[in-house]
Amino acid sequence: MKTHGANELIGLLHPARQDDSDLNLIQLLQKLSKLSDDILIYHLENAW
């Protein structure tokens, strides 16, 4: 059950990771944290 949440997170991060494959995980999370809530919601809704 604990891995389910991690797998969902990985699935959501995968497209962003492909766009910025040169970034490490911390850099990628920092970049994503700068996005507005509206942009994040849009991407999450379209990831499904």
PDB file of N, CA and C in Angstrom:
ATOM      1  N   MET A   1       0.822  -1.193   0.000  1.00  0.00           N
ATOM      2  CA  MET A   1       0.000   0.000   0.000  1.00  0.00           C
ATOM      3  C   MET A   1       0.869   1.261   0.000  1.00  0.00           C
ATOM      4  N   LYS A   2       1.993   1.261   0.703  1.00  0.00           N
ATOM      5  CA  LYS A   2       2.860   2.432   0.750  1.00  0.00           C
ATOM      6  C   LYS A   2       3.463   2.737  -0.614  1.00  0.00           C
ATOM      7  N   THR A   3       3.726   1.717  -1.391  1.00  0.00           N
ATOM      8  CA  THR A   3       4.341   1.946  -2.698  1.00  0.00           C
ATOM      9  C   THR A   3       3.351   2.511  -3.711  1.00  0.00           C
ATOM     10  N   HIS A   4       2.059   2.373  -3.450  1.00  0.00           N
ATOM     11  CA  HIS A   4       1.058   2.887  -4.381  1.00  0.00           C
ATOM     12  C   HIS A   4       1.204   4.398  -4.567  1.00  0.00           C
ATOM     13  N   GLY A   5       1.346   5.123  -3.487  1.00  0.00           N
ATOM     14  CA  GLY A   5       1.511   6.575  -3.558  1.00  0.00           C
ATOM     15  C   GLY A   5       2.802   6.966  -4.272  1.00  0.00           C
ATOM     16  N   ALA A   6       3.866   6.230  -3.998  1.00  0.00           N
ATOM     17  CA  ALA A   6       5.145   6.503  -4.662  1.00  0.00           C
ATOM     18  C   ALA A   6       5.040   6.231  -6.159  1.00  0.00           C
ATOM     19  N   ASN A   7       4.348   5.165  -6.526  1.00  0.00           N
ATOM     20  CA  ASN A   7       4.172   4.848  -7.939  1.00  0.00           C
ATOM     21  C   ASN A   7       3.341   5.912  -8.645  1.00  0.00           C
ATOM     22  N   GLU A   8       2.327   6.443  -7.980  1.00  0.00           N
ATOM     23  CA  GLU A   8       1.527   7.519  -8.559  1.00  0.00           C
ATOM     24  C   GLU A   8       2.379   8.769  -8.758  1.00  0.00           C
ATOM     25  N   LEU A   9       3.195   9.090  -7.779  1.00  0.00           N
ATOM     26  CA  LEU A   9       4.061  10.252  -7.881  1.00  0.00           C
ATOM     27  C   LEU A   9       5.050  10.093  -9.035  1.00  0.00           C
ATOM     28  N   ILE A  10       5.633   8.930  -9.151  1.00  0.00           N
ATOM     29  CA  ILE A  10       6.564   8.668 -10.248  1.00  0.00           C
ATOM     30  C   ILE A  10       5.859   8.802 -11.587  1.00  0.00           C
ATOM     31  N   GLY A  11       4.641   8.290 -11.666  1.00  0.00           N
ATOM     32  CA  GLY A  11       3.876   8.406 -12.896  1.00  0.00           C
ATOM     33  C   GLY A  11       3.593   9.847 -13.275  1.00  0.00           C
ATOM     34  N   LEU A  12       3.321  10.681 -12.284  1.00  0.00           N
ATOM     35  CA  LEU A  12       3.055  12.094 -12.545  1.00  0.00           C
ATOM     36  C   LEU A  12       4.324  12.853 -12.911  1.00  0.00           C
ATOM     37  N   LEU A  13       5.446  12.450 -12.337  1.00  0.00           N
ATOM     38  CA  LEU A  13       6.701  13.143 -12.608  1.00  0.00           C
ATOM     39  C   LEU A  13       7.352  12.706 -13.915  1.00  0.00           C
ATOM     40  N   HIS A  14       6.971  11.544 -14.407  1.00  0.00           N
ATOM     41  CA  HIS A  14       7.629  10.981 -15.586  1.00  0.00           C
ATOM     42  C   HIS A  14       7.623  11.922 -16.797  1.00  0.00           C
ATOM     43  N   PRO A  15       6.474  12.505 -17.186  1.00  0.00           N
ATOM     44  CA  PRO A  15       6.505  13.415 -18.337  1.00  0.00           C
ATOM     45  C   PRO A  15       7.408  14.634 -18.119  1.00  0.00           C
ATOM     46  N   ALA A  16       7.394  15.190 -16.921  1.00  0.00           N
ATOM     47  CA  ALA A  16       8.253  16.340 -16.627  1.00  0.00           C
ATOM     48  C   ALA A  16       9.715  15.926 -16.667  1.00  0.00           C
ATOM     49  N   ARG A  17       9.989  14.729 -16.222  1.00  0.00           N
ATOM     50  CA  ARG A  17      11.363  14.214 -16.226  1.00  0.00           C
ATOM     51  C   ARG A  17      11.881  14.030 -17.646  1.00  0.00           C
ATOM     52  N   GLN A  18      11.008  13.605 -18.539  1.00  0.00           N
ATOM     53  CA  GLN A  18      11.425  13.425 -19.931  1.00  0.00           C
ATOM     54  C   GLN A  18      11.781  14.768 -20.567  1.00  0.00           C
ATOM     55  N   ASP A  19      11.058  15.818 -20.219  1.00  0.00           N
ATOM     56  CA  ASP A  19      11.333  17.143 -20.765  1.00  0.00           C
ATOM     57  C   ASP A  19      12.630  17.729 -20.234  1.00  0.00           C
ATOM     58  N   ASP A  20      12.982  17.392 -19.004  1.00  0.00           N
ATOM     59  CA  ASP A  20      14.185  17.930 -18.361  1.00  0.00           C
ATOM     60  C   ASP A  20      15.050  16.794 -17.830  1.00  0.00           C
ATOM     61  N   SER A  21      15.477  15.925 -18.715  1.00  0.00           N
ATOM     62  CA  SER A  21      16.212  14.728 -18.294  1.00  0.00           C
ATOM     63  C   SER A  21      17.586  15.046 -17.711  1.00  0.00           C
ATOM     64  N   ASP A  22      18.072  16.272 -17.911  1.00  0.00           N
ATOM     65  CA  ASP A  22      19.370  16.648 -17.370  1.00  0.00           C
ATOM     66  C   ASP A  22      19.295  17.072 -15.901  1.00  0.00           C
ATOM     67  N   LEU A  23      18.082  17.257 -15.374  1.00  0.00           N
ATOM     68  CA  LEU A  23      17.919  17.670 -13.981  1.00  0.00           C
ATOM     69  C   LEU A  23      17.866  16.456 -13.058  1.00  0.00           C
ATOM     70  N   ASN A  24      18.424  16.607 -11.852  1.00  0.00           N
ATOM     71  CA  ASN A  24      18.255  15.549 -10.865  1.00  0.00           C
ATOM     72  C   ASN A  24      16.892  15.745 -10.186  1.00  0.00           C
ATOM     73  N   LEU A  25      16.505  14.833  -9.330  1.00  0.00           N
ATOM     74  CA  LEU A  25      15.176  14.864  -8.723  1.00  0.00           C
ATOM     75  C   LEU A  25      14.940  16.148  -7.926  1.00  0.00           C
ATOM     76  N   ILE A  26      15.917  16.579  -7.162  1.00  0.00           N
ATOM     77  CA  ILE A  26      15.762  17.787  -6.355  1.00  0.00           C
ATOM     78  C   ILE A  26      15.563  19.009  -7.258  1.00  0.00           C
ATOM     79  N   GLN A  27      16.352  19.113  -8.314  1.00  0.00           N
ATOM     80  CA  GLN A  27      16.206  20.228  -9.245  1.00  0.00           C
ATOM     81  C   GLN A  27      14.839  20.203  -9.926  1.00  0.00           C
ATOM     82  N   LEU A  28      14.383  19.003 -10.290  1.00  0.00           N
ATOM     83  CA  LEU A  28      13.079  18.867 -10.933  1.00  0.00           C
ATOM     84  C   LEU A  28      11.964  19.299  -9.984  1.00  0.00           C
ATOM     85  N   LEU A  29      12.024  18.875  -8.736  1.00  0.00           N
ATOM     86  CA  LEU A  29      11.012  19.270  -7.753  1.00  0.00           C
ATOM     87  C   LEU A  29      11.037  20.768  -7.488  1.00  0.00           C
ATOM     88  N   GLN A  30      12.225  21.362  -7.472  1.00  0.00           N
ATOM     89  CA  GLN A  30      12.324  22.805  -7.287  1.00  0.00           C
ATOM     90  C   GLN A  30      11.685  23.541  -8.459  1.00  0.00           C
ATOM     91  N   LYS A  31      11.911  23.043  -9.658  1.00  0.00           N
ATOM     92  CA  LYS A  31      11.315  23.661 -10.841  1.00  0.00           C
ATOM     93  C   LYS A  31       9.789  23.556 -10.784  1.00  0.00           C
ATOM     94  N   LEU A  32       9.280  22.376 -10.428  1.00  0.00           N
ATOM     95  CA  LEU A  32       7.838  22.174 -10.349  1.00  0.00           C
ATOM     96  C   LEU A  32       7.204  23.010  -9.243  1.00  0.00           C
ATOM     97  N   SER A  33       7.950  23.237  -8.165  1.00  0.00           N
ATOM     98  CA  SER A  33       7.393  24.010  -7.049  1.00  0.00           C
ATOM     99  C   SER A  33       7.174  25.472  -7.424  1.00  0.00           C
ATOM    100  N   LYS A  34       7.818  25.937  -8.485  1.00  0.00           N
ATOM    101  CA  LYS A  34       7.668  27.322  -8.916  1.00  0.00           C
ATOM    102  C   LYS A  34       6.445  27.522  -9.808  1.00  0.00           C
ATOM    103  N   LEU A  35       5.814  26.440 -10.244  1.00  0.00           N
ATOM    104  CA  LEU A  35       4.641  26.539 -11.100  1.00  0.00           C
ATOM    105  C   LEU A  35       3.426  26.951 -10.285  1.00  0.00           C
ATOM    106  N   SER A  36       2.511  27.633 -10.929  1.00  0.00           N
ATOM    107  CA  SER A  36       1.291  28.030 -10.229  1.00  0.00           C
ATOM    108  C   SER A  36       0.393  26.813 -10.003  1.00  0.00           C
ATOM    109  N   ASP A  37      -0.532  26.946  -9.078  1.00  0.00           N
ATOM    110  CA  ASP A  37      -1.472  25.865  -8.786  1.00  0.00           C
ATOM    111  C   ASP A  37      -2.302  25.506 -10.019  1.00  0.00           C
ATOM    112  N   ASP A  38      -2.709  26.516 -10.775  1.00  0.00           N
ATOM    113  CA  ASP A  38      -3.522  26.266 -11.968  1.00  0.00           C
ATOM    114  C   ASP A  38      -2.775  25.403 -12.981  1.00  0.00           C
ATOM    115  N   ILE A  39      -1.513  25.689 -13.174  1.00  0.00           N
ATOM    116  CA  ILE A  39      -0.715  24.910 -14.129  1.00  0.00           C
ATOM    117  C   ILE A  39      -0.548  23.483 -13.626  1.00  0.00           C
ATOM    118  N   LEU A  40      -0.262  23.322 -12.344  1.00  0.00           N
ATOM    119  CA  LEU A  40      -0.099  21.978 -11.787  1.00  0.00           C
ATOM    120  C   LEU A  40      -1.390  21.171 -11.895  1.00  0.00           C
ATOM    121  N   ILE A  41      -2.511  21.792 -11.581  1.00  0.00           N
ATOM    122  CA  ILE A  41      -3.803  21.105 -11.677  1.00  0.00           C
ATOM    123  C   ILE A  41      -4.076  20.698 -13.116  1.00  0.00           C
ATOM    124  N   TYR A  42      -3.798  21.589 -14.058  1.00  0.00           N
ATOM    125  CA  TYR A  42      -4.009  21.280 -15.469  1.00  0.00           C
ATOM    126  C   TYR A  42      -3.198  20.049 -15.874  1.00  0.00           C
ATOM    127  N   HIS A  43      -1.941  20.012 -15.483  1.00  0.00           N
ATOM    128  CA  HIS A  43      -1.084  18.884 -15.855  1.00  0.00           C
ATOM    129  C   HIS A  43      -1.494  17.596 -15.169  1.00  0.00           C
ATOM    130  N   LEU A  44      -1.920  17.693 -13.919  1.00  0.00           N
ATOM    131  CA  LEU A  44      -2.381  16.493 -13.210  1.00  0.00           C
ATOM    132  C   LEU A  44      -3.654  15.947 -13.844  1.00  0.00           C
ATOM    133  N   GLU A  45      -4.576  16.828 -14.217  1.00  0.00           N
ATOM    134  CA  GLU A  45      -5.815  16.380 -14.836  1.00  0.00           C
ATOM    135  C   GLU A  45      -5.550  15.728 -16.188  1.00  0.00           C
ATOM    136  N   ASN A  46      -4.579  16.238 -16.929  1.00  0.00           N
ATOM    137  CA  ASN A  46      -4.287  15.693 -18.247  1.00  0.00           C
ATOM    138  C   ASN A  46      -3.357  14.498 -18.201  1.00  0.00           C
ATOM    139  N   ALA A  47      -2.783  14.219 -17.042  1.00  0.00           N
ATOM    140  CA  ALA A  47      -1.914  13.050 -16.903  1.00  0.00           C
ATOM    141  C   ALA A  47      -2.737  11.758 -16.819  1.00  0.00           C
ATOM    142  N   TRP A  48      -4.006  11.894 -16.474  1.00  0.00           N
ATOM    143  CA  TRP A  48      -4.845  10.701 -16.326  1.00  0.00           C
ATOM    144  C   TRP A  48      -5.493  10.429 -17.619  1.00  0.00           C
TER     145      TRP A  48
END
